[in-house]
N, C-alpha and C. Protein backbone atom coordinates (compact mmCIF):
# COMPACT_ATOMS: atom_id res chain seq x y z
N MET A 1 11.88 -9.74 11.13
CA MET A 1 10.78 -8.79 11.24
C MET A 1 10.10 -8.60 9.88
N SER A 2 10.78 -8.21 8.93
CA SER A 2 10.41 -7.90 7.55
C SER A 2 9.22 -6.96 7.39
N TRP A 3 8.06 -7.41 6.92
CA TRP A 3 7.02 -6.47 6.50
C TRP A 3 6.52 -5.62 7.67
N ALA A 4 7.01 -4.40 7.76
CA ALA A 4 6.61 -3.48 8.82
C ALA A 4 5.43 -2.62 8.39
N LEU A 5 5.25 -2.42 7.09
CA LEU A 5 4.19 -1.55 6.60
C LEU A 5 3.73 -2.04 5.24
N HIS A 6 2.43 -2.22 5.11
CA HIS A 6 1.78 -2.47 3.82
C HIS A 6 0.93 -1.23 3.57
N ARG A 7 1.27 -0.45 2.57
CA ARG A 7 0.61 0.84 2.38
C ARG A 7 -0.01 0.95 1.00
N ILE A 8 -1.22 1.50 0.98
CA ILE A 8 -1.91 1.83 -0.26
C ILE A 8 -1.83 3.34 -0.41
N ASP A 9 -1.14 3.79 -1.47
CA ASP A 9 -0.94 5.23 -1.65
C ASP A 9 -0.69 5.48 -3.13
N ASP A 10 -1.51 6.30 -3.75
CA ASP A 10 -1.37 6.49 -5.20
C ASP A 10 -0.07 7.16 -5.61
N ARG A 11 0.67 7.73 -4.67
CA ARG A 11 1.96 8.33 -4.99
C ARG A 11 3.12 7.36 -4.79
N LEU A 12 2.84 6.21 -4.21
CA LEU A 12 3.83 5.17 -3.92
C LEU A 12 4.93 5.71 -3.02
N ILE A 13 6.11 6.00 -3.53
CA ILE A 13 7.20 6.52 -2.69
C ILE A 13 7.17 8.05 -2.72
N HIS A 14 7.12 8.64 -1.55
CA HIS A 14 7.16 10.10 -1.43
C HIS A 14 7.57 10.43 0.01
N GLY A 15 7.57 11.70 0.36
CA GLY A 15 8.08 12.16 1.65
C GLY A 15 7.44 11.49 2.85
N GLN A 16 6.12 11.33 2.87
CA GLN A 16 5.47 10.72 4.02
C GLN A 16 5.99 9.29 4.23
N VAL A 17 6.18 8.56 3.16
CA VAL A 17 6.65 7.18 3.26
C VAL A 17 8.11 7.15 3.71
N VAL A 18 8.95 7.88 3.01
CA VAL A 18 10.38 7.83 3.25
C VAL A 18 10.75 8.48 4.59
N VAL A 19 10.20 9.64 4.86
CA VAL A 19 10.58 10.38 6.06
C VAL A 19 9.78 9.93 7.27
N ALA A 20 8.47 10.15 7.25
CA ALA A 20 7.64 9.87 8.43
C ALA A 20 7.61 8.38 8.79
N TRP A 21 7.17 7.56 7.85
CA TRP A 21 7.11 6.13 8.13
C TRP A 21 8.51 5.54 8.21
N GLY A 22 9.43 6.05 7.41
CA GLY A 22 10.81 5.57 7.44
C GLY A 22 11.46 5.80 8.80
N HIS A 23 11.23 6.94 9.40
CA HIS A 23 11.80 7.21 10.73
C HIS A 23 11.20 6.27 11.78
N ARG A 24 9.95 5.93 11.60
CA ARG A 24 9.29 5.05 12.58
C ARG A 24 9.82 3.61 12.51
N PHE A 25 10.00 3.10 11.29
CA PHE A 25 10.35 1.68 11.13
C PHE A 25 11.76 1.42 10.60
N ASN A 26 12.43 2.43 10.08
CA ASN A 26 13.78 2.29 9.55
C ASN A 26 13.90 1.09 8.59
N PRO A 27 13.21 1.13 7.47
CA PRO A 27 13.23 -0.03 6.57
C PRO A 27 14.56 -0.22 5.86
N ALA A 28 14.91 -1.47 5.68
CA ALA A 28 16.08 -1.82 4.88
C ALA A 28 15.68 -1.94 3.41
N ARG A 29 14.39 -2.26 3.18
CA ARG A 29 13.89 -2.50 1.83
C ARG A 29 12.50 -1.88 1.66
N ILE A 30 12.25 -1.43 0.46
CA ILE A 30 10.91 -0.99 0.06
C ILE A 30 10.57 -1.71 -1.24
N TRP A 31 9.46 -2.39 -1.24
CA TRP A 31 8.96 -3.02 -2.45
C TRP A 31 7.81 -2.19 -2.99
N VAL A 32 7.94 -1.71 -4.22
CA VAL A 32 6.87 -1.05 -4.92
C VAL A 32 6.22 -2.12 -5.79
N VAL A 33 4.98 -2.45 -5.49
CA VAL A 33 4.27 -3.50 -6.21
C VAL A 33 3.28 -2.83 -7.15
N ASP A 34 3.68 -2.79 -8.42
CA ASP A 34 2.89 -2.07 -9.41
C ASP A 34 3.27 -2.58 -10.79
N ASP A 35 2.32 -3.17 -11.48
CA ASP A 35 2.61 -3.74 -12.80
C ASP A 35 3.11 -2.71 -13.79
N ALA A 36 2.48 -1.54 -13.83
CA ALA A 36 2.88 -0.51 -14.80
C ALA A 36 4.28 0.02 -14.51
N ALA A 37 4.56 0.31 -13.26
CA ALA A 37 5.91 0.81 -12.90
C ALA A 37 6.97 -0.24 -13.15
N ALA A 38 6.66 -1.50 -12.88
CA ALA A 38 7.63 -2.57 -13.10
C ALA A 38 7.95 -2.74 -14.59
N ALA A 39 6.99 -2.41 -15.45
CA ALA A 39 7.18 -2.57 -16.89
C ALA A 39 7.84 -1.35 -17.54
N ASP A 40 8.00 -0.27 -16.79
CA ASP A 40 8.54 0.97 -17.37
C ASP A 40 9.94 1.22 -16.79
N PRO A 41 10.99 1.05 -17.59
CA PRO A 41 12.36 1.22 -17.08
C PRO A 41 12.63 2.59 -16.45
N LEU A 42 12.08 3.65 -17.03
CA LEU A 42 12.31 4.99 -16.47
C LEU A 42 11.63 5.14 -15.12
N GLU A 43 10.40 4.68 -15.01
CA GLU A 43 9.67 4.77 -13.73
C GLU A 43 10.37 3.91 -12.67
N ARG A 44 10.81 2.73 -13.06
CA ARG A 44 11.56 1.87 -12.12
C ARG A 44 12.79 2.60 -11.60
N GLU A 45 13.52 3.22 -12.50
CA GLU A 45 14.74 3.93 -12.13
C GLU A 45 14.44 5.08 -11.15
N VAL A 46 13.37 5.82 -11.41
CA VAL A 46 13.00 6.93 -10.52
C VAL A 46 12.68 6.39 -9.13
N PHE A 47 11.84 5.36 -9.05
CA PHE A 47 11.49 4.79 -7.74
C PHE A 47 12.70 4.20 -7.03
N GLU A 48 13.55 3.51 -7.78
CA GLU A 48 14.71 2.86 -7.16
C GLU A 48 15.69 3.87 -6.56
N GLY A 49 15.64 5.11 -7.03
CA GLY A 49 16.52 6.14 -6.47
C GLY A 49 15.83 7.07 -5.50
N ALA A 50 14.60 6.77 -5.13
CA ALA A 50 13.79 7.70 -4.33
C ALA A 50 14.01 7.63 -2.83
N ALA A 51 14.68 6.62 -2.34
CA ALA A 51 14.85 6.48 -0.89
C ALA A 51 16.32 6.19 -0.59
N GLU A 52 17.05 7.23 -0.29
CA GLU A 52 18.49 7.10 -0.05
C GLU A 52 18.78 6.13 1.09
N GLY A 53 19.70 5.20 0.84
CA GLY A 53 20.11 4.25 1.85
C GLY A 53 19.17 3.07 2.04
N VAL A 54 18.11 3.00 1.23
CA VAL A 54 17.13 1.92 1.31
C VAL A 54 17.10 1.21 -0.04
N HIS A 55 17.14 -0.10 -0.02
CA HIS A 55 17.05 -0.85 -1.28
C HIS A 55 15.60 -0.85 -1.73
N VAL A 56 15.34 -0.30 -2.92
CA VAL A 56 13.99 -0.24 -3.47
C VAL A 56 13.91 -1.23 -4.63
N LYS A 57 12.87 -2.03 -4.60
CA LYS A 57 12.64 -3.00 -5.66
C LYS A 57 11.24 -2.74 -6.24
N VAL A 58 11.12 -2.66 -7.55
CA VAL A 58 9.86 -2.42 -8.21
C VAL A 58 9.47 -3.70 -8.94
N VAL A 59 8.34 -4.29 -8.53
CA VAL A 59 7.97 -5.61 -9.05
C VAL A 59 6.49 -5.65 -9.41
N PRO A 60 6.14 -6.53 -10.35
CA PRO A 60 4.73 -6.74 -10.66
C PRO A 60 4.05 -7.55 -9.55
N VAL A 61 2.74 -7.52 -9.54
CA VAL A 61 1.94 -8.18 -8.50
C VAL A 61 2.29 -9.68 -8.38
N THR A 62 2.39 -10.37 -9.50
CA THR A 62 2.63 -11.81 -9.44
C THR A 62 3.97 -12.14 -8.79
N GLU A 63 5.00 -11.36 -9.11
CA GLU A 63 6.32 -11.59 -8.51
C GLU A 63 6.30 -11.30 -7.01
N ALA A 64 5.62 -10.23 -6.63
CA ALA A 64 5.53 -9.88 -5.20
C ALA A 64 4.80 -10.98 -4.43
N ALA A 65 3.71 -11.48 -4.97
CA ALA A 65 2.96 -12.53 -4.29
C ALA A 65 3.79 -13.80 -4.15
N ALA A 66 4.53 -14.15 -5.20
CA ALA A 66 5.35 -15.36 -5.17
C ALA A 66 6.49 -15.25 -4.15
N ALA A 67 7.03 -14.07 -3.96
CA ALA A 67 8.17 -13.88 -3.06
C ALA A 67 7.77 -13.40 -1.66
N TYR A 68 6.50 -13.19 -1.44
CA TYR A 68 6.02 -12.56 -0.20
C TYR A 68 6.49 -13.31 1.05
N MET A 69 6.30 -14.59 1.11
CA MET A 69 6.65 -15.35 2.32
C MET A 69 8.16 -15.42 2.54
N SER A 70 8.93 -15.62 1.49
CA SER A 70 10.39 -15.66 1.68
C SER A 70 10.91 -14.30 2.09
N GLU A 71 10.30 -13.24 1.58
CA GLU A 71 10.70 -11.89 1.97
C GLU A 71 10.30 -11.61 3.42
N SER A 72 9.23 -12.23 3.88
CA SER A 72 8.80 -12.07 5.28
C SER A 72 9.86 -12.55 6.25
N ALA A 73 10.65 -13.52 5.83
CA ALA A 73 11.68 -14.09 6.69
C ALA A 73 13.01 -13.33 6.61
N ALA A 74 13.09 -12.36 5.74
CA ALA A 74 14.34 -11.62 5.57
C ALA A 74 14.62 -10.74 6.80
N THR A 75 15.86 -10.42 6.99
CA THR A 75 16.28 -9.61 8.13
C THR A 75 15.96 -8.14 7.88
N GLY A 76 15.53 -7.45 8.91
CA GLY A 76 15.26 -6.02 8.83
C GLY A 76 13.85 -5.72 8.37
N ALA A 77 13.43 -4.50 8.62
CA ALA A 77 12.08 -4.05 8.25
C ALA A 77 11.98 -3.81 6.75
N ALA A 78 10.78 -4.03 6.24
CA ALA A 78 10.51 -3.77 4.83
C ALA A 78 9.13 -3.14 4.69
N PHE A 79 8.99 -2.30 3.66
CA PHE A 79 7.70 -1.70 3.31
C PHE A 79 7.23 -2.31 2.00
N LEU A 80 5.93 -2.51 1.88
CA LEU A 80 5.32 -2.96 0.65
C LEU A 80 4.31 -1.89 0.27
N LEU A 81 4.48 -1.30 -0.91
CA LEU A 81 3.63 -0.20 -1.34
C LEU A 81 2.86 -0.58 -2.61
N VAL A 82 1.56 -0.30 -2.60
CA VAL A 82 0.73 -0.48 -3.79
C VAL A 82 0.01 0.83 -4.07
N ARG A 83 -0.36 1.04 -5.32
CA ARG A 83 -0.92 2.31 -5.78
C ARG A 83 -2.40 2.46 -5.45
N ASP A 84 -3.14 1.35 -5.36
CA ASP A 84 -4.60 1.47 -5.20
C ASP A 84 -5.18 0.21 -4.56
N LEU A 85 -6.45 0.30 -4.21
CA LEU A 85 -7.14 -0.81 -3.56
C LEU A 85 -7.25 -2.02 -4.47
N ALA A 86 -7.41 -1.79 -5.77
CA ALA A 86 -7.51 -2.92 -6.71
C ALA A 86 -6.21 -3.73 -6.71
N THR A 87 -5.07 -3.06 -6.70
CA THR A 87 -3.79 -3.76 -6.66
C THR A 87 -3.61 -4.48 -5.34
N ALA A 88 -4.03 -3.84 -4.24
CA ALA A 88 -3.97 -4.49 -2.93
C ALA A 88 -4.76 -5.80 -2.95
N LEU A 89 -5.94 -5.77 -3.54
CA LEU A 89 -6.77 -6.97 -3.64
C LEU A 89 -6.12 -8.01 -4.55
N ARG A 90 -5.59 -7.59 -5.68
CA ARG A 90 -4.94 -8.54 -6.60
C ARG A 90 -3.77 -9.24 -5.92
N LEU A 91 -3.02 -8.51 -5.11
CA LEU A 91 -1.88 -9.10 -4.39
C LEU A 91 -2.36 -10.19 -3.43
N VAL A 92 -3.41 -9.92 -2.71
CA VAL A 92 -3.98 -10.90 -1.79
C VAL A 92 -4.55 -12.10 -2.56
N GLU A 93 -5.27 -11.83 -3.63
CA GLU A 93 -5.83 -12.92 -4.44
C GLU A 93 -4.74 -13.78 -5.06
N ALA A 94 -3.57 -13.20 -5.30
CA ALA A 94 -2.44 -13.95 -5.87
C ALA A 94 -1.70 -14.76 -4.82
N GLY A 95 -2.11 -14.63 -3.56
CA GLY A 95 -1.54 -15.50 -2.53
C GLY A 95 -0.76 -14.83 -1.42
N ALA A 96 -0.59 -13.52 -1.44
CA ALA A 96 0.15 -12.85 -0.36
C ALA A 96 -0.77 -12.70 0.86
N PRO A 97 -0.40 -13.28 1.99
CA PRO A 97 -1.27 -13.25 3.16
C PRO A 97 -1.16 -11.95 3.98
N VAL A 98 -1.52 -10.85 3.35
CA VAL A 98 -1.48 -9.54 4.02
C VAL A 98 -2.65 -9.49 5.01
N ALA A 99 -2.37 -9.07 6.24
CA ALA A 99 -3.42 -8.97 7.26
C ALA A 99 -3.97 -7.56 7.39
N ARG A 100 -3.17 -6.56 7.03
CA ARG A 100 -3.55 -5.17 7.26
C ARG A 100 -2.89 -4.28 6.22
N TYR A 101 -3.65 -3.33 5.72
CA TYR A 101 -3.11 -2.30 4.86
C TYR A 101 -3.30 -0.95 5.53
N ASN A 102 -2.26 -0.12 5.46
CA ASN A 102 -2.35 1.27 5.84
C ASN A 102 -2.82 2.02 4.59
N VAL A 103 -3.95 2.71 4.69
CA VAL A 103 -4.46 3.48 3.56
C VAL A 103 -3.94 4.90 3.73
N GLY A 104 -3.01 5.27 2.87
CA GLY A 104 -2.38 6.58 2.94
C GLY A 104 -3.11 7.58 2.07
N GLY A 105 -2.61 7.85 0.90
CA GLY A 105 -3.23 8.83 0.03
C GLY A 105 -3.87 8.20 -1.19
N LEU A 106 -5.17 8.36 -1.30
CA LEU A 106 -5.90 8.02 -2.52
C LEU A 106 -6.59 9.33 -2.91
N HIS A 107 -5.94 10.07 -3.75
CA HIS A 107 -6.32 11.46 -3.98
C HIS A 107 -7.44 11.60 -5.01
N TYR A 108 -7.97 12.82 -5.06
CA TYR A 108 -9.10 13.13 -5.93
C TYR A 108 -8.77 12.94 -7.40
N SER A 109 -9.70 12.34 -8.09
CA SER A 109 -9.75 12.34 -9.55
C SER A 109 -11.24 12.27 -9.89
N PRO A 110 -11.62 12.63 -11.11
CA PRO A 110 -13.05 12.63 -11.46
C PRO A 110 -13.72 11.29 -11.14
N GLY A 111 -14.87 11.38 -10.52
CA GLY A 111 -15.64 10.19 -10.15
C GLY A 111 -15.38 9.70 -8.74
N LYS A 112 -14.35 10.25 -8.10
CA LYS A 112 -14.03 9.84 -6.73
C LYS A 112 -14.68 10.82 -5.75
N HIS A 113 -15.11 10.27 -4.62
CA HIS A 113 -15.79 11.07 -3.61
C HIS A 113 -14.98 11.07 -2.31
N LYS A 114 -14.98 12.21 -1.65
CA LYS A 114 -14.17 12.45 -0.47
C LYS A 114 -14.60 11.58 0.72
N VAL A 115 -13.61 10.92 1.32
CA VAL A 115 -13.79 10.18 2.56
C VAL A 115 -13.18 10.98 3.70
N ASN A 116 -12.00 11.51 3.47
CA ASN A 116 -11.35 12.46 4.39
C ASN A 116 -10.44 13.34 3.54
N GLU A 117 -9.54 14.06 4.17
CA GLU A 117 -8.71 15.03 3.43
C GLU A 117 -7.76 14.39 2.41
N TYR A 118 -7.45 13.12 2.56
CA TYR A 118 -6.49 12.49 1.64
C TYR A 118 -6.96 11.16 1.07
N VAL A 119 -8.20 10.79 1.29
CA VAL A 119 -8.74 9.55 0.73
C VAL A 119 -10.05 9.87 -0.01
N TYR A 120 -10.05 9.54 -1.31
CA TYR A 120 -11.22 9.68 -2.16
C TYR A 120 -11.45 8.31 -2.81
N LEU A 121 -12.71 7.89 -2.89
CA LEU A 121 -13.04 6.57 -3.43
C LEU A 121 -14.08 6.67 -4.53
N ASP A 122 -13.98 5.78 -5.50
CA ASP A 122 -15.04 5.61 -6.49
C ASP A 122 -15.66 4.24 -6.27
N ASP A 123 -16.59 3.86 -7.14
CA ASP A 123 -17.29 2.58 -6.96
C ASP A 123 -16.34 1.39 -7.01
N ALA A 124 -15.35 1.43 -7.90
CA ALA A 124 -14.39 0.32 -7.99
C ALA A 124 -13.55 0.22 -6.72
N ASP A 125 -13.16 1.37 -6.16
CA ASP A 125 -12.41 1.37 -4.90
C ASP A 125 -13.26 0.75 -3.78
N ARG A 126 -14.53 1.15 -3.73
CA ARG A 126 -15.42 0.62 -2.69
C ARG A 126 -15.58 -0.90 -2.82
N ALA A 127 -15.70 -1.37 -4.04
CA ALA A 127 -15.85 -2.82 -4.27
C ALA A 127 -14.57 -3.56 -3.83
N ALA A 128 -13.42 -3.01 -4.16
CA ALA A 128 -12.16 -3.64 -3.75
C ALA A 128 -12.03 -3.62 -2.23
N ALA A 129 -12.40 -2.50 -1.61
CA ALA A 129 -12.35 -2.40 -0.14
C ALA A 129 -13.27 -3.44 0.49
N ARG A 130 -14.49 -3.58 -0.04
CA ARG A 130 -15.42 -4.59 0.50
C ARG A 130 -14.84 -5.99 0.37
N ALA A 131 -14.20 -6.27 -0.76
CA ALA A 131 -13.60 -7.59 -0.96
C ALA A 131 -12.46 -7.84 0.03
N LEU A 132 -11.63 -6.83 0.25
CA LEU A 132 -10.53 -6.97 1.22
C LEU A 132 -11.08 -7.15 2.63
N LEU A 133 -12.03 -6.32 3.01
CA LEU A 133 -12.63 -6.45 4.35
C LEU A 133 -13.32 -7.80 4.51
N GLY A 134 -13.95 -8.26 3.44
CA GLY A 134 -14.63 -9.56 3.46
C GLY A 134 -13.66 -10.72 3.68
N ARG A 135 -12.41 -10.52 3.34
CA ARG A 135 -11.36 -11.52 3.57
C ARG A 135 -10.72 -11.36 4.95
N GLY A 136 -11.24 -10.42 5.74
CA GLY A 136 -10.70 -10.20 7.08
C GLY A 136 -9.48 -9.31 7.13
N ILE A 137 -9.21 -8.58 6.05
CA ILE A 137 -8.03 -7.71 5.99
C ILE A 137 -8.41 -6.33 6.50
N ALA A 138 -7.68 -5.83 7.47
CA ALA A 138 -7.95 -4.52 8.04
C ALA A 138 -7.46 -3.43 7.09
N LEU A 139 -8.25 -2.37 6.97
CA LEU A 139 -7.89 -1.20 6.16
C LEU A 139 -7.89 0.00 7.11
N GLU A 140 -6.69 0.43 7.51
CA GLU A 140 -6.53 1.51 8.47
C GLU A 140 -6.09 2.78 7.77
N VAL A 141 -6.90 3.81 7.85
CA VAL A 141 -6.60 5.10 7.22
C VAL A 141 -5.70 5.90 8.16
N GLN A 142 -4.51 6.25 7.66
CA GLN A 142 -3.56 7.03 8.45
C GLN A 142 -2.48 7.56 7.52
N ASP A 143 -2.33 8.86 7.43
CA ASP A 143 -1.35 9.41 6.50
C ASP A 143 0.06 9.34 7.05
N VAL A 144 0.27 9.68 8.32
CA VAL A 144 1.60 9.63 8.94
C VAL A 144 1.48 8.99 10.32
N PRO A 145 2.58 8.46 10.85
CA PRO A 145 2.51 7.79 12.15
C PRO A 145 2.00 8.65 13.28
N ALA A 146 2.23 9.96 13.21
CA ALA A 146 1.79 10.84 14.29
C ALA A 146 0.29 11.10 14.30
N SER A 147 -0.38 10.81 13.21
CA SER A 147 -1.83 11.02 13.17
C SER A 147 -2.56 9.76 13.66
N ARG A 148 -3.78 9.95 14.03
CA ARG A 148 -4.59 8.84 14.55
C ARG A 148 -5.12 8.00 13.39
N SER A 149 -5.08 6.70 13.54
CA SER A 149 -5.61 5.83 12.49
C SER A 149 -7.10 5.61 12.73
N ALA A 150 -7.80 5.30 11.64
CA ALA A 150 -9.23 4.99 11.71
C ALA A 150 -9.53 3.89 10.71
N PRO A 151 -10.37 2.94 11.08
CA PRO A 151 -10.77 1.93 10.11
C PRO A 151 -11.49 2.58 8.93
N LEU A 152 -11.16 2.17 7.71
CA LEU A 152 -11.79 2.76 6.53
C LEU A 152 -13.31 2.68 6.64
N GLU A 153 -13.84 1.58 7.14
CA GLU A 153 -15.29 1.42 7.19
C GLU A 153 -15.95 2.39 8.18
N SER A 154 -15.18 2.98 9.11
CA SER A 154 -15.77 3.99 9.99
C SER A 154 -15.90 5.34 9.27
N LEU A 155 -15.07 5.58 8.27
CA LEU A 155 -15.12 6.81 7.48
C LEU A 155 -16.00 6.66 6.25
N ALA A 156 -16.11 5.44 5.75
CA ALA A 156 -16.90 5.14 4.54
C ALA A 156 -17.72 3.88 4.85
N PRO A 157 -18.82 4.02 5.60
CA PRO A 157 -19.60 2.85 6.02
C PRO A 157 -20.08 1.96 4.88
N GLU A 158 -20.19 2.53 3.68
CA GLU A 158 -20.67 1.75 2.53
C GLU A 158 -19.68 0.67 2.09
N VAL A 159 -18.46 0.67 2.61
CA VAL A 159 -17.50 -0.36 2.23
C VAL A 159 -17.58 -1.60 3.13
N ARG A 160 -18.38 -1.53 4.16
CA ARG A 160 -18.51 -2.70 5.03
C ARG A 160 -18.90 -3.92 4.21
N SER A 161 -18.24 -5.02 4.50
CA SER A 161 -18.56 -6.25 3.75
C SER A 161 -19.93 -6.76 4.20
N ALA A 162 -20.60 -7.41 3.27
CA ALA A 162 -21.95 -7.90 3.53
C ALA A 162 -21.92 -9.14 4.41
């Protein structure tokens, strides 16, 4: 089975991922794909201990892309988490054949504009979303499994690929 969830969420591992999505898919593994976290021993340690009973691996984009297909064949469900749309795009550009991303939380920071209660985008986010959509990758906005999903382009029409 392997990749049960590909999620874009600026918090990476947190309660919604571990509890809500975890109860739905019962992952054996969580991959945090983030160059900065992978390079920081303290941040790696925090993430690796964040999901009790689940093996957490923190890796840079290039390593995740190189191992993506072999990990797809592994036994049990796995989650792949990225911090932002730019990283999601870099992972795909590096060769990971992701078909769909769940867009969880992309929270407010200066320059970002509200799409819904938990997704805010700036121009760089919109450009990355357009590039992902242009490659045929679905971007489904949904914070928890119990909520209804919506295509990102239905909430932010300006991200539709040309």
